[in-house]
Structure formats: structure tokens, C-alpha cells
PDB file of N, CA and C in Angstrom:
ATOM      1  N   UNK A   1       0.852  -1.182   0.000  1.00  0.00           N
ATOM      2  CA  UNK A   1       0.000   0.000   0.000  1.00  0.00           C
ATOM      3  C   UNK A   1       0.890   1.234   0.000  1.00  0.00           C
ATOM      4  N   UNK A   2       0.547   2.169  -0.838  1.00  0.00           N
ATOM      5  CA  UNK A   2       1.296   3.412  -0.900  1.00  0.00           C
ATOM      6  C   UNK A   2       1.137   4.192   0.403  1.00  0.00           C
ATOM      7  N   UNK A   3       2.115   5.025   0.686  1.00  0.00           N
ATOM      8  CA  UNK A   3       2.055   5.850   1.894  1.00  0.00           C
ATOM      9  C   UNK A   3       0.843   6.775   1.871  1.00  0.00           C
ATOM     10  N   UNK A   4       0.513   7.311   0.712  1.00  0.00           N
ATOM     11  CA  UNK A   4      -0.643   8.200   0.575  1.00  0.00           C
ATOM     12  C   UNK A   4      -1.929   7.496   1.003  1.00  0.00           C
ATOM     13  N   UNK A   5      -2.106   6.275   0.546  1.00  0.00           N
ATOM     14  CA  UNK A   5      -3.329   5.529   0.869  1.00  0.00           C
ATOM     15  C   UNK A   5      -3.357   5.177   2.359  1.00  0.00           C
ATOM     16  N   UNK A   6      -2.214   4.790   2.897  1.00  0.00           N
ATOM     17  CA  UNK A   6      -2.141   4.462   4.328  1.00  0.00           C
ATOM     18  C   UNK A   6      -2.478   5.680   5.178  1.00  0.00           C
ATOM     19  N   UNK A   7      -2.003   6.848   4.770  1.00  0.00           N
ATOM     20  CA  UNK A   7      -2.287   8.069   5.527  1.00  0.00           C
ATOM     21  C   UNK A   7      -3.766   8.430   5.466  1.00  0.00           C
ATOM     22  N   UNK A   8      -4.419   8.188   4.343  1.00  0.00           N
ATOM     23  CA  UNK A   8      -5.849   8.453   4.259  1.00  0.00           C
ATOM     24  C   UNK A   8      -6.646   7.471   5.115  1.00  0.00           C
ATOM     25  N   UNK A   9      -6.209   6.224   5.158  1.00  0.00           N
ATOM     26  CA  UNK A   9      -6.857   5.231   6.007  1.00  0.00           C
ATOM     27  C   UNK A   9      -6.727   5.624   7.483  1.00  0.00           C
ATOM     28  N   UNK A  10      -5.522   5.981   7.881  1.00  0.00           N
ATOM     29  CA  UNK A  10      -5.281   6.399   9.269  1.00  0.00           C
ATOM     30  C   UNK A  10      -6.001   7.713   9.557  1.00  0.00           C
ATOM     31  N   UNK A  11      -6.094   8.596   8.571  1.00  0.00           N
ATOM     32  CA  UNK A  11      -6.819   9.853   8.748  1.00  0.00           C
ATOM     33  C   UNK A  11      -8.291   9.622   9.049  1.00  0.00           C
ATOM     34  N   UNK A  12      -8.904   8.675   8.342  1.00  0.00           N
ATOM     35  CA  UNK A  12     -10.297   8.325   8.616  1.00  0.00           C
ATOM     36  C   UNK A  12     -10.470   7.776  10.018  1.00  0.00           C
ATOM     37  N   UNK A  13      -9.533   6.922  10.436  1.00  0.00           N
ATOM     38  CA  UNK A  13      -9.564   6.393  11.810  1.00  0.00           C
ATOM     39  C   UNK A  13      -9.407   7.513  12.828  1.00  0.00           C
ATOM     40  N   UNK A  14      -8.480   8.429  12.569  1.00  0.00           N
ATOM     41  CA  UNK A  14      -8.221   9.536  13.490  1.00  0.00           C
ATOM     42  C   UNK A  14      -9.453  10.422  13.653  1.00  0.00           C
ATOM     43  N   UNK A  15     -10.106  10.734  12.545  1.00  0.00           N
ATOM     44  CA  UNK A  15     -11.321  11.561  12.622  1.00  0.00           C
ATOM     45  C   UNK A  15     -12.392  10.838  13.434  1.00  0.00           C
ATOM     46  N   UNK A  16     -12.563   9.542  13.178  1.00  0.00           N
ATOM     47  CA  UNK A  16     -13.584   8.770  13.895  1.00  0.00           C
ATOM     48  C   UNK A  16     -13.302   8.742  15.395  1.00  0.00           C
ATOM     49  N   UNK A  17     -12.074   8.449  15.782  1.00  0.00           N
ATOM     50  CA  UNK A  17     -11.732   8.417  17.209  1.00  0.00           C
ATOM     51  C   UNK A  17     -11.873   9.789  17.850  1.00  0.00           C
ATOM     52  N   UNK A  18     -11.500  10.843  17.124  1.00  0.00           N
ATOM     53  CA  UNK A  18     -11.611  12.202  17.667  1.00  0.00           C
ATOM     54  C   UNK A  18     -13.065  12.600  17.890  1.00  0.00           C
ATOM     55  N   UNK A  19     -13.908  12.347  16.903  1.00  0.00           N
ATOM     56  CA  UNK A  19     -15.323  12.691  17.033  1.00  0.00           C
ATOM     57  C   UNK A  19     -15.974  11.857  18.131  1.00  0.00           C
ATOM     58  N   UNK A  20     -15.632  10.561  18.195  1.00  0.00           N
ATOM     59  CA  UNK A  20     -16.192   9.694  19.241  1.00  0.00           C
ATOM     60  C   UNK A  20     -15.774  10.181  20.628  1.00  0.00           C
ATOM     61  N   UNK A  21     -14.533  10.578  20.764  1.00  0.00           N
ATOM     62  CA  UNK A  21     -14.065  11.102  22.044  1.00  0.00           C
ATOM     63  C   UNK A  21     -14.785  12.376  22.432  1.00  0.00           C
ATOM     64  N   UNK A  22     -14.976  13.260  21.466  1.00  0.00           N
ATOM     65  CA  UNK A  22     -15.699  14.508  21.741  1.00  0.00           C
ATOM     66  C   UNK A  22     -17.150  14.228  22.126  1.00  0.00           C
ATOM     67  N   UNK A  23     -17.799  13.296  21.422  1.00  0.00           N
ATOM     68  CA  UNK A  23     -19.185  12.947  21.756  1.00  0.00           C
ATOM     69  C   UNK A  23     -19.288  12.316  23.143  1.00  0.00           C
ATOM     70  N   UNK A  24     -18.340  11.441  23.469  1.00  0.00           N
ATOM     71  CA  UNK A  24     -18.359  10.819  24.796  1.00  0.00           C
ATOM     72  C   UNK A  24     -18.158  11.866  25.883  1.00  0.00           C
ATOM     73  N   UNK A  25     -17.266  12.810  25.651  1.00  0.00           N
ATOM     74  CA  UNK A  25     -17.038  13.876  26.620  1.00  0.00           C
ATOM     75  C   UNK A  25     -18.298  14.729  26.804  1.00  0.00           C
ATOM     76  N   UNK A  26     -18.913  15.119  25.690  1.00  0.00           N
ATOM     77  CA  UNK A  26     -20.121  15.943  25.771  1.00  0.00           C
ATOM     78  C   UNK A  26     -21.275  15.190  26.425  1.00  0.00           C
ATOM     79  N   UNK A  27     -21.365  13.905  26.173  1.00  0.00           N
ATOM     80  CA  UNK A  27     -22.398  13.088  26.809  1.00  0.00           C
ATOM     81  C   UNK A  27     -22.144  12.983  28.305  1.00  0.00           C
ATOM     82  N   UNK A  28     -20.887  12.789  28.672  1.00  0.00           N
ATOM     83  CA  UNK A  28     -20.514  12.685  30.091  1.00  0.00           C
ATOM     84  C   UNK A  28     -20.818  13.986  30.841  1.00  0.00           C
ATOM     85  N   UNK A  29     -20.625  15.112  30.183  1.00  0.00           N
ATOM     86  CA  UNK A  29     -20.895  16.426  30.792  1.00  0.00           C
ATOM     87  C   UNK A  29     -22.361  16.844  30.667  1.00  0.00           C
ATOM     88  N   UNK A  30     -23.193  15.966  30.125  1.00  0.00           N
ATOM     89  CA  UNK A  30     -24.619  16.221  29.915  1.00  0.00           C
ATOM     90  C   UNK A  30     -24.886  17.413  29.005  1.00  0.00           C
ATOM     91  N   UNK A  31     -23.951  17.696  28.110  1.00  0.00           N
ATOM     92  CA  UNK A  31     -24.152  18.766  27.141  1.00  0.00           C
ATOM     93  C   UNK A  31     -25.034  18.292  25.990  1.00  0.00           C
ATOM     94  N   UNK A  32     -24.961  16.996  25.702  1.00  0.00           N
ATOM     95  CA  UNK A  32     -25.835  16.394  24.691  1.00  0.00           C
ATOM     96  C   UNK A  32     -26.344  15.061  25.229  1.00  0.00           C
ATOM     97  N   UNK A  33     -27.436  14.600  24.656  1.00  0.00           N
ATOM     98  CA  UNK A  33     -27.990  13.302  25.043  1.00  0.00           C
ATOM     99  C   UNK A  33     -28.140  12.468  23.775  1.00  0.00           C
ATOM    100  N   UNK A  34     -27.462  11.337  23.752  1.00  0.00           N
ATOM    101  CA  UNK A  34     -27.596  10.400  22.643  1.00  0.00           C
ATOM    102  C   UNK A  34     -28.325   9.182  23.174  1.00  0.00           C
ATOM    103  N   UNK A  35     -29.536   8.994  22.727  1.00  0.00           N
ATOM    104  CA  UNK A  35     -30.403   7.950  23.264  1.00  0.00           C
ATOM    105  C   UNK A  35     -29.992   6.547  22.843  1.00  0.00           C
ATOM    106  N   UNK A  36     -29.358   6.423  21.708  1.00  0.00           N
ATOM    107  CA  UNK A  36     -29.117   5.124  21.113  1.00  0.00           C
ATOM    108  C   UNK A  36     -27.673   5.050  20.622  1.00  0.00           C
ATOM    109  N   UNK A  37     -27.051   3.881  20.732  1.00  0.00           N
ATOM    110  CA  UNK A  37     -25.673   3.778  20.254  1.00  0.00           C
ATOM    111  C   UNK A  37     -25.611   3.815  18.736  1.00  0.00           C
ATOM    112  N   UNK A  38     -26.719   3.459  18.042  1.00  0.00           N
ATOM    113  CA  UNK A  38     -26.752   3.593  16.588  1.00  0.00           C
ATOM    114  C   UNK A  38     -26.628   5.062  16.188  1.00  0.00           C
ATOM    115  N   UNK A  39     -27.272   5.945  16.919  1.00  0.00           N
ATOM    116  CA  UNK A  39     -27.170   7.387  16.639  1.00  0.00           C
ATOM    117  C   UNK A  39     -25.734   7.847  16.831  1.00  0.00           C
ATOM    118  N   UNK A  40     -25.097   7.375  17.894  1.00  0.00           N
ATOM    119  CA  UNK A  40     -23.694   7.704  18.161  1.00  0.00           C
ATOM    120  C   UNK A  40     -22.836   7.294  16.968  1.00  0.00           C
ATOM    121  N   UNK A  41     -23.006   6.050  16.510  1.00  0.00           N
ATOM    122  CA  UNK A  41     -22.224   5.544  15.387  1.00  0.00           C
ATOM    123  C   UNK A  41     -22.512   6.329  14.114  1.00  0.00           C
ATOM    124  N   UNK A  42     -23.775   6.684  13.897  1.00  0.00           N
ATOM    125  CA  UNK A  42     -24.151   7.430  12.698  1.00  0.00           C
ATOM    126  C   UNK A  42     -23.523   8.831  12.702  1.00  0.00           C
ATOM    127  N   UNK A  43     -23.510   9.478  13.861  1.00  0.00           N
ATOM    128  CA  UNK A  43     -22.897  10.808  13.964  1.00  0.00           C
ATOM    129  C   UNK A  43     -21.395  10.713  13.718  1.00  0.00           C
ATOM    130  N   UNK A  44     -20.760   9.694  14.282  1.00  0.00           N
ATOM    131  CA  UNK A  44     -19.314   9.513  14.077  1.00  0.00           C
ATOM    132  C   UNK A  44     -19.025   9.268  12.602  1.00  0.00           C
ATOM    133  N   UNK A  45     -19.719   8.315  11.991  1.00  0.00           N
ATOM    134  CA  UNK A  45     -19.441   7.999  10.587  1.00  0.00           C
ATOM    135  C   UNK A  45     -19.823   9.159   9.671  1.00  0.00           C
ATOM    136  N   UNK A  46     -20.903   9.859   9.975  1.00  0.00           N
ATOM    137  CA  UNK A  46     -21.275  11.037   9.194  1.00  0.00           C
ATOM    138  C   UNK A  46     -20.207  12.117   9.259  1.00  0.00           C
ATOM    139  N   UNK A  47     -19.601  12.278  10.416  1.00  0.00           N
ATOM    140  CA  UNK A  47     -18.521  13.250  10.564  1.00  0.00           C
ATOM    141  C   UNK A  47     -17.296  12.833   9.758  1.00  0.00           C
ATOM    142  N   UNK A  48     -17.016  11.543   9.736  1.00  0.00           N
ATOM    143  CA  UNK A  48     -15.909  11.043   8.910  1.00  0.00           C
ATOM    144  C   UNK A  48     -16.202  11.324   7.438  1.00  0.00           C
ATOM    145  N   UNK A  49     -17.415  11.042   7.006  1.00  0.00           N
ATOM    146  CA  UNK A  49     -17.793  11.300   5.612  1.00  0.00           C
ATOM    147  C   UNK A  49     -17.603  12.774   5.265  1.00  0.00           C
ATOM    148  N   UNK A  50     -18.076  13.654   6.130  1.00  0.00           N
ATOM    149  CA  UNK A  50     -17.936  15.092   5.886  1.00  0.00           C
ATOM    150  C   UNK A  50     -16.461  15.490   5.799  1.00  0.00           C
ATOM    151  N   UNK A  51     -15.651  15.028   6.743  1.00  0.00           N
ATOM    152  CA  UNK A  51     -14.230  15.398   6.772  1.00  0.00           C
ATOM    153  C   UNK A  51     -13.503  14.890   5.527  1.00  0.00           C
ATOM    154  N   UNK A  52     -13.777  13.648   5.146  1.00  0.00           N
ATOM    155  CA  UNK A  52     -13.109  13.060   3.980  1.00  0.00           C
ATOM    156  C   UNK A  52     -13.494  13.816   2.710  1.00  0.00           C
ATOM    157  N   UNK A  53     -14.766  14.060   2.525  1.00  0.00           N
ATOM    158  CA  UNK A  53     -15.217  14.731   1.313  1.00  0.00           C
ATOM    159  C   UNK A  53     -14.707  16.177   1.260  1.00  0.00           C
ATOM    160  N   UNK A  54     -14.785  16.885   2.376  1.00  0.00           N
ATOM    161  CA  UNK A  54     -14.295  18.268   2.415  1.00  0.00           C
ATOM    162  C   UNK A  54     -12.793  18.329   2.123  1.00  0.00           C
ATOM    163  N   UNK A  55     -12.028  17.409   2.713  1.00  0.00           N
ATOM    164  CA  UNK A  55     -10.573  17.379   2.490  1.00  0.00           C
ATOM    165  C   UNK A  55     -10.258  17.110   1.032  1.00  0.00           C
ATOM    166  N   UNK A  56     -10.936  16.156   0.434  1.00  0.00           N
ATOM    167  CA  UNK A  56     -10.655  15.802  -0.955  1.00  0.00           C
ATOM    168  C   UNK A  56     -11.098  16.889  -1.930  1.00  0.00           C
ATOM    169  N   UNK A  57     -12.183  17.582  -1.647  1.00  0.00           N
ATOM    170  CA  UNK A  57     -12.584  18.704  -2.502  1.00  0.00           C
ATOM    171  C   UNK A  57     -11.517  19.794  -2.440  1.00  0.00           C
ATOM    172  N   UNK A  58     -11.049  20.097  -1.245  1.00  0.00           N
ATOM    173  CA  UNK A  58     -10.002  21.102  -1.082  1.00  0.00           C
ATOM    174  C   UNK A  58      -8.731  20.672  -1.825  1.00  0.00           C
ATOM    175  N   UNK A  59      -8.354  19.411  -1.677  1.00  0.00           N
ATOM    176  CA  UNK A  59      -7.151  18.894  -2.325  1.00  0.00           C
ATOM    177  C   UNK A  59      -7.302  18.932  -3.858  1.00  0.00           C
ATOM    178  N   UNK A  60      -8.448  18.550  -4.363  1.00  0.00           N
ATOM    179  CA  UNK A  60      -8.694  18.527  -5.809  1.00  0.00           C
ATOM    180  C   UNK A  60      -8.642  19.932  -6.405  1.00  0.00           C
ATOM    181  N   UNK A  61      -9.149  20.908  -5.664  1.00  0.00           N
ATOM    182  CA  UNK A  61      -9.167  22.285  -6.168  1.00  0.00           C
ATOM    183  C   UNK A  61      -7.787  22.938  -6.064  1.00  0.00           C
ATOM    184  N   UNK A  62      -7.101  22.748  -4.947  1.00  0.00           N
ATOM    185  CA  UNK A  62      -5.856  23.475  -4.695  1.00  0.00           C
ATOM    186  C   UNK A  62      -4.608  22.820  -5.269  1.00  0.00           C
ATOM    187  N   UNK A  63      -4.640  21.518  -5.498  1.00  0.00           N
ATOM    188  CA  UNK A  63      -3.446  20.825  -5.988  1.00  0.00           C
ATOM    189  C   UNK A  63      -3.777  20.252  -7.368  1.00  0.00           C
ATOM    190  N   UNK A  64      -3.367  20.940  -8.413  1.00  0.00           N
ATOM    191  CA  UNK A  64      -3.841  20.594  -9.750  1.00  0.00           C
ATOM    192  C   UNK A  64      -3.340  19.263 -10.325  1.00  0.00           C
ATOM    193  N   UNK A  65      -2.256  18.698  -9.823  1.00  0.00           N
ATOM    194  CA  UNK A  65      -1.746  17.472 -10.445  1.00  0.00           C
ATOM    195  C   UNK A  65      -2.404  16.200  -9.921  1.00  0.00           C
ATOM    196  N   UNK A  66      -3.320  16.301  -8.941  1.00  0.00           N
ATOM    197  CA  UNK A  66      -4.066  15.122  -8.507  1.00  0.00           C
ATOM    198  C   UNK A  66      -5.179  14.830  -9.507  1.00  0.00           C
ATOM    199  N   UNK A  67      -5.336  13.571  -9.822  1.00  0.00           N
ATOM    200  CA  UNK A  67      -6.355  13.182 -10.793  1.00  0.00           C
ATOM    201  C   UNK A  67      -7.659  12.852 -10.082  1.00  0.00           C
ATOM    202  N   UNK A  68      -8.707  12.725 -10.887  1.00  0.00           N
ATOM    203  CA  UNK A  68     -10.014  12.330 -10.353  1.00  0.00           C
ATOM    204  C   UNK A  68      -9.922  10.954  -9.709  1.00  0.00           C
ATOM    205  N   UNK A  69      -9.210  10.031 -10.343  1.00  0.00           N
ATOM    206  CA  UNK A  69      -9.051   8.666  -9.807  1.00  0.00           C
ATOM    207  C   UNK A  69      -8.361   8.689  -8.444  1.00  0.00           C
ATOM    208  N   UNK A  70      -7.316   9.510  -8.323  1.00  0.00           N
ATOM    209  CA  UNK A  70      -6.603   9.629  -7.055  1.00  0.00           C
ATOM    210  C   UNK A  70      -7.529  10.176  -5.966  1.00  0.00           C
ATOM    211  N   UNK A  71      -8.330  11.158  -6.324  1.00  0.00           N
ATOM    212  CA  UNK A  71      -9.258  11.756  -5.362  1.00  0.00           C
ATOM    213  C   UNK A  71     -10.281  10.735  -4.882  1.00  0.00           C
ATOM    214  N   UNK A  72     -10.846   9.974  -5.808  1.00  0.00           N
ATOM    215  CA  UNK A  72     -11.841   8.966  -5.436  1.00  0.00           C
ATOM    216  C   UNK A  72     -11.211   7.867  -4.583  1.00  0.00           C
ATOM    217  N   UNK A  73     -10.016   7.418  -4.945  1.00  0.00           N
ATOM    218  CA  UNK A  73      -9.354   6.372  -4.152  1.00  0.00           C
ATOM    219  C   UNK A  73      -9.022   6.880  -2.743  1.00  0.00           C
ATOM    220  N   UNK A  74      -8.596   8.123  -2.630  1.00  0.00           N
ATOM    221  CA  UNK A  74      -8.323   8.708  -1.316  1.00  0.00           C
ATOM    222  C   UNK A  74      -9.595   8.736  -0.467  1.00  0.00           C
ATOM    223  N   UNK A  75     -10.732   9.080  -1.091  1.00  0.00           N
ATOM    224  CA  UNK A  75     -12.005   9.092  -0.360  1.00  0.00           C
ATOM    225  C   UNK A  75     -12.365   7.685   0.108  1.00  0.00           C
ATOM    226  N   UNK A  76     -12.163   6.710  -0.748  1.00  0.00           N
ATOM    227  CA  UNK A  76     -12.477   5.326  -0.379  1.00  0.00           C
ATOM    228  C   UNK A  76     -11.634   4.889   0.809  1.00  0.00           C
ATOM    229  N   UNK A  77     -10.342   5.187   0.786  1.00  0.00           N
ATOM    230  CA  UNK A  77      -9.480   4.795   1.905  1.00  0.00           C
ATOM    231  C   UNK A  77      -9.846   5.540   3.188  1.00  0.00           C
ATOM    232  N   UNK A  78     -10.180   6.805   3.089  1.00  0.00           N
ATOM    233  CA  UNK A  78     -10.602   7.556   4.274  1.00  0.00           C
ATOM    234  C   UNK A  78     -11.884   6.997   4.867  1.00  0.00           C
ATOM    235  N   UNK A  79     -12.837   6.666   4.011  1.00  0.00           N
ATOM    236  CA  UNK A  79     -14.092   6.080   4.494  1.00  0.00           C
ATOM    237  C   UNK A  79     -13.879   4.679   5.056  1.00  0.00           C
ATOM    238  N   UNK A  80     -12.931   3.950   4.503  1.00  0.00           N
ATOM    239  CA  UNK A  80     -12.599   2.632   5.063  1.00  0.00           C
ATOM    240  C   UNK A  80     -12.047   2.773   6.475  1.00  0.00           C
ATOM    241  N   UNK A  81     -11.248   3.813   6.716  1.00  0.00           N
ATOM    242  CA  UNK A  81     -10.751   4.056   8.066  1.00  0.00           C
ATOM    243  C   UNK A  81     -11.883   4.310   9.038  1.00  0.00           C
ATOM    244  N   UNK A  82     -12.841   5.128   8.641  1.00  0.00           N
ATOM    245  CA  UNK A  82     -14.015   5.375   9.481  1.00  0.00           C
ATOM    246  C   UNK A  82     -14.851   4.125   9.666  1.00  0.00           C
ATOM    247  N   UNK A  83     -14.943   3.311   8.628  1.00  0.00           N
ATOM    248  CA  UNK A  83     -15.701   2.051   8.716  1.00  0.00           C
ATOM    249  C   UNK A  83     -15.041   1.074   9.675  1.00  0.00           C
ATOM    250  N   UNK A  84     -13.723   1.031   9.669  1.00  0.00           N
ATOM    251  CA  UNK A  84     -13.004   0.147  10.591  1.00  0.00           C
ATOM    252  C   UNK A  84     -13.348   0.508  12.029  1.00  0.00           C
ATOM    253  N   UNK A  85     -13.345   1.805  12.338  1.00  0.00           N
ATOM    254  CA  UNK A  85     -13.700   2.223  13.691  1.00  0.00           C
ATOM    255  C   UNK A  85     -15.142   1.827  14.021  1.00  0.00           C
ATOM    256  N   UNK A  86     -16.053   2.108  13.098  1.00  0.00           N
ATOM    257  CA  UNK A  86     -17.470   1.829  13.344  1.00  0.00           C
ATOM    258  C   UNK A  86     -17.733   0.346  13.559  1.00  0.00           C
ATOM    259  N   UNK A  87     -17.145  -0.494  12.732  1.00  0.00           N
ATOM    260  CA  UNK A  87     -17.320  -1.941  12.869  1.00  0.00           C
ATOM    261  C   UNK A  87     -16.685  -2.435  14.167  1.00  0.00           C
ATOM    262  N   UNK A  88     -15.494  -1.950  14.462  1.00  0.00           N
ATOM    263  CA  UNK A  88     -14.816  -2.380  15.690  1.00  0.00           C
ATOM    264  C   UNK A  88     -15.626  -1.993  16.927  1.00  0.00           C
ATOM    265  N   UNK A  89     -16.146  -0.800  16.939  1.00  0.00           N
ATOM    266  CA  UNK A  89     -16.930  -0.343  18.088  1.00  0.00           C
ATOM    267  C   UNK A  89     -18.222  -1.136  18.205  1.00  0.00           C
ATOM    268  N   UNK A  90     -18.862  -1.435  17.075  1.00  0.00           N
ATOM    269  CA  UNK A  90     -20.094  -2.225  17.114  1.00  0.00           C
ATOM    270  C   UNK A  90     -19.845  -3.624  17.678  1.00  0.00           C
ATOM    271  N   UNK A  91     -18.743  -4.236  17.301  1.00  0.00           N
ATOM    272  CA  UNK A  91     -18.407  -5.576  17.798  1.00  0.00           C
ATOM    273  C   UNK A  91     -18.084  -5.527  19.287  1.00  0.00           C
ATOM    274  N   UNK A  92     -17.343  -4.516  19.717  1.00  0.00           N
ATOM    275  CA  UNK A  92     -16.941  -4.417  21.131  1.00  0.00           C
ATOM    276  C   UNK A  92     -18.108  -4.103  22.052  1.00  0.00           C
ATOM    277  N   UNK A  93     -19.164  -3.474  21.556  1.00  0.00           N
ATOM    278  CA  UNK A  93     -20.278  -3.088  22.407  1.00  0.00           C
ATOM    279  C   UNK A  93     -21.383  -4.146  22.483  1.00  0.00           C
ATOM    280  N   UNK A  94     -21.219  -5.253  21.788  1.00  0.00           N
ATOM    281  CA  UNK A  94     -22.256  -6.302  21.815  1.00  0.00           C
ATOM    282  C   UNK A  94     -22.226  -7.075  23.093  1.00  0.00           C
TER     283      UNK A  94
END
């Protein structure tokens, strides 16, 4: 695996863990209430999707030598990182 792809995979994981940590902190402080763990997972994965897509749009616009294929593959690897977190958390909470 190329370093670029590995970094996008780890980036997706990092975003997922960061958002999950922030949500857990806010829940612990009673700043927000998440009734269901599915909602928690959906918010985490939705945040990963937003971060990945926003990053790739910025990269595609600002760095002209990246191709459409590279952008799509980077998005796939970033979303796979978020999926790894989501699946792992779902298995651990059963």
C-alpha cells in the first residue's frame, strides 16, 4: 500500500476516534444526550464522511496534479478508516 493511501486510512480512523471522544465527553458532561448507540455511530461515521469529502474537494481544487481517480481512491481509503472504527466499536459493544 502506498504511503498516501495508508495516511488516508489512518486519517479516517483519526477523525472517527476524535469525534467519538468529543461525543463521549459531551455526553458525560450532559451537554448532549444520545439515546441510542446507533445514533452515536451514525454521527461519528457522518462526521468522517464530511471530513473526507471536504478534504478531498479542497485537495482537488488546490493541488492541480491530482487526478479524479486519485481523489476517489483517497475518499475510499478515508471512508474505510471510518468504517473500521465503526465496525470495531459495534463488535466491542455487543
